[in-house]
C-alpha cells in the first residue's frame, strides 16, 4: 500500500478517536466515520479526515491517533490529477491511498486536497491536504 509522506508540516496533527482493534500504518489516508472517529480509508470518495501522523498497532489498547488535517504531502495518483484541481480518494486502482481529480460537484464534502502537480496513474505528486475544502477549479 502506498502511503502519504509529509513534505512540509503546515499545522501540527490533532488527536482523533480510532478503534482499538484497528491497525493503521503511518501515512495512511483516513476516513471519517463519526464525530472524530477515524479508520483507514477503504474506498472511492470516502469522507477524508486526514493522514495518520503515527502508526497505530492493532489491539494495543490505544483508542486515539494523531492525524494531520493540513500539510504538503507526497501521494500517488490513481488516475489523472491536474495542478490546481481538487482531489478525492480513489481505490479502483487497487490502493485506497491513491487520489484522482474530483469531477463531481455533488461530492464537495469528499474533497481531500488540492493537486500541486500534474500526475497520471501510478505517478507521485505533491498534494495540499485540506479535507472538505474544494478548489474553485473543481469542474474547470
Protein backbone atom coordinates (compact mmCIF):
# COMPACT_ATOMS: atom_id res chain seq x y z
CA UNK A 1 0.00 0.00 0.00
CA UNK A 2 1.35 3.40 -0.97
CA UNK A 3 1.37 5.80 1.96
CA UNK A 4 1.37 9.56 2.12
CA UNK A 5 4.69 11.20 3.02
CA UNK A 6 4.79 14.52 4.85
CA UNK A 7 6.92 17.04 2.94
CA UNK A 8 6.02 20.31 4.72
CA UNK A 9 4.21 20.45 8.06
CA UNK A 10 1.88 23.47 7.99
CA UNK A 11 -0.02 22.56 11.18
CA UNK A 12 0.52 20.06 13.98
CA UNK A 13 -1.52 16.83 13.99
CA UNK A 14 -4.61 16.59 16.17
CA UNK A 15 -5.77 13.62 18.23
CA UNK A 16 -8.77 11.72 16.89
CA UNK A 17 -10.51 8.54 18.05
CA UNK A 18 -9.92 5.13 16.46
CA UNK A 19 -10.97 1.57 17.25
CA UNK A 20 -8.57 -0.37 19.50
CA UNK A 21 -8.70 -3.40 17.18
CA UNK A 22 -7.62 -1.49 14.07
CA UNK A 23 -4.03 -1.33 12.87
CA UNK A 24 -3.17 1.85 10.95
CA UNK A 25 0.14 2.46 9.17
CA UNK A 26 1.76 5.89 9.45
CA UNK A 27 0.92 7.89 6.30
CA UNK A 28 -2.42 6.14 5.73
CA UNK A 29 -5.30 8.20 4.34
CA UNK A 30 -8.03 8.13 6.99
CA UNK A 31 -11.79 8.28 6.52
CA UNK A 32 -14.14 10.00 8.93
CA UNK A 33 -16.74 7.53 10.23
CA UNK A 34 -18.35 9.56 13.02
CA UNK A 35 -17.56 12.56 15.19
CA UNK A 36 -13.74 12.44 15.44
CA UNK A 37 -13.77 8.66 14.74
CA UNK A 38 -11.31 7.63 12.03
CA UNK A 39 -10.34 4.44 10.21
CA UNK A 40 -8.11 3.59 7.25
CA UNK A 41 -9.76 4.73 4.02
CA UNK A 42 -11.27 1.76 2.21
CA UNK A 43 -12.92 3.02 -0.91
CA UNK A 44 -13.61 5.58 -3.54
CA UNK A 45 -14.67 9.04 -2.50
CA UNK A 46 -14.57 8.49 1.28
CA UNK A 47 -15.10 11.48 3.53
CA UNK A 48 -11.46 12.08 4.42
CA UNK A 49 -10.39 13.03 7.95
CA UNK A 50 -6.69 13.40 7.17
CA UNK A 51 -3.45 11.39 7.20
CA UNK A 52 -2.16 9.23 10.07
CA UNK A 53 0.79 11.00 11.71
CA UNK A 54 1.82 7.85 13.59
CA UNK A 55 1.46 4.09 13.48
CA UNK A 56 -1.43 2.51 15.41
CA UNK A 57 -0.86 -1.17 16.25
CA UNK A 58 -3.99 -3.34 16.30
CA UNK A 59 -5.31 -4.24 19.78
CA UNK A 60 -2.62 -2.22 21.59
CA UNK A 61 -5.16 -0.62 23.96
CA UNK A 62 -4.94 2.80 22.26
CA UNK A 63 -8.10 4.50 21.02
CA UNK A 64 -6.50 7.77 19.91
CA UNK A 65 -4.29 8.54 16.91
CA UNK A 66 -2.54 11.72 15.76
CA UNK A 67 -3.98 12.92 12.44
CA UNK A 68 -2.69 15.57 10.05
CA UNK A 69 -5.54 17.73 8.74
CA UNK A 70 -3.21 20.09 6.87
CA UNK A 71 0.19 19.95 5.22
CA UNK A 72 2.00 19.32 1.94
CA UNK A 73 2.26 15.59 1.21
CA UNK A 74 3.66 13.31 -1.48
CA UNK A 75 0.85 10.99 -2.66
CA UNK A 76 0.23 8.55 -5.51
CA UNK A 77 -2.18 9.19 -8.37
CA UNK A 78 -4.78 6.52 -9.12
CA UNK A 79 -5.68 8.27 -12.37
CA UNK A 80 -5.39 11.78 -13.77
CA UNK A 81 -4.56 14.56 -11.31
CA UNK A 82 -4.24 18.12 -12.59
CA UNK A 83 -2.38 21.00 -10.94
CA UNK A 84 -4.82 23.22 -9.03
CA UNK A 85 -7.72 20.76 -9.07
CA UNK A 86 -9.46 19.28 -6.06
CA UNK A 87 -8.71 15.62 -5.34
CA UNK A 88 -10.70 12.68 -3.96
CA UNK A 89 -9.65 9.25 -2.71
CA UNK A 90 -9.66 6.57 -5.39
CA UNK A 91 -9.37 2.85 -4.70
CA UNK A 92 -10.33 1.48 -8.12
CA UNK A 93 -6.59 1.50 -8.83
CA UNK A 94 -6.24 -1.12 -6.09
CA UNK A 95 -4.98 1.20 -3.33
CA UNK A 96 -7.31 3.26 -1.11
CA UNK A 97 -4.48 5.78 -0.54
CA UNK A 98 -4.49 6.83 -4.23
CA UNK A 99 -6.07 10.08 -5.44
CA UNK A 100 -7.81 11.32 -8.58
CA UNK A 101 -9.29 14.64 -9.81
CA UNK A 102 -12.61 15.49 -8.15
CA UNK A 103 -15.02 15.87 -11.05
CA UNK A 104 -18.49 15.87 -9.48
CA UNK A 105 -19.87 19.00 -7.81
CA UNK A 106 -22.12 16.80 -5.64
CA UNK A 107 -19.03 15.39 -3.94
CA UNK A 108 -17.61 18.61 -2.43
CA UNK A 109 -17.62 17.00 1.04
CA UNK A 110 -15.38 14.19 -0.27
CA UNK A 111 -12.53 16.52 -1.33
CA UNK A 112 -9.25 15.79 0.46
CA UNK A 113 -6.92 18.41 -1.00
CA UNK A 114 -5.55 20.29 -3.98
CA UNK A 115 -3.07 18.91 -6.54
CA UNK A 116 0.15 20.93 -6.57
CA UNK A 117 1.46 18.95 -9.55
CA UNK A 118 0.01 17.13 -12.54
CA UNK A 119 0.30 13.32 -12.46
CA UNK A 120 -1.16 10.25 -14.12
CA UNK A 121 -1.91 6.77 -12.79
CA UNK A 122 0.92 5.43 -10.62
CA UNK A 123 2.93 8.67 -10.53
CA UNK A 124 3.56 10.60 -7.33
CA UNK A 125 2.53 14.20 -6.83
CA UNK A 126 2.50 16.88 -4.17
CA UNK A 127 -0.88 17.47 -2.52
CA UNK A 128 -2.01 20.33 -0.30
CA UNK A 129 -4.02 18.36 2.28
CA UNK A 130 -7.18 20.27 3.21
CA UNK A 131 -10.11 17.84 3.72
CA UNK A 132 -13.53 19.17 2.74
CA UNK A 133 -12.20 22.39 1.22
CA UNK A 134 -12.88 22.28 -2.52
CA UNK A 135 -10.85 24.21 -5.06
CA UNK A 136 -12.72 26.74 -7.16
CA UNK A 137 -11.29 24.75 -10.08
CA UNK A 138 -13.22 21.58 -9.23
CA UNK A 139 -15.01 21.47 -12.57
CA UNK A 140 -12.53 23.53 -14.58
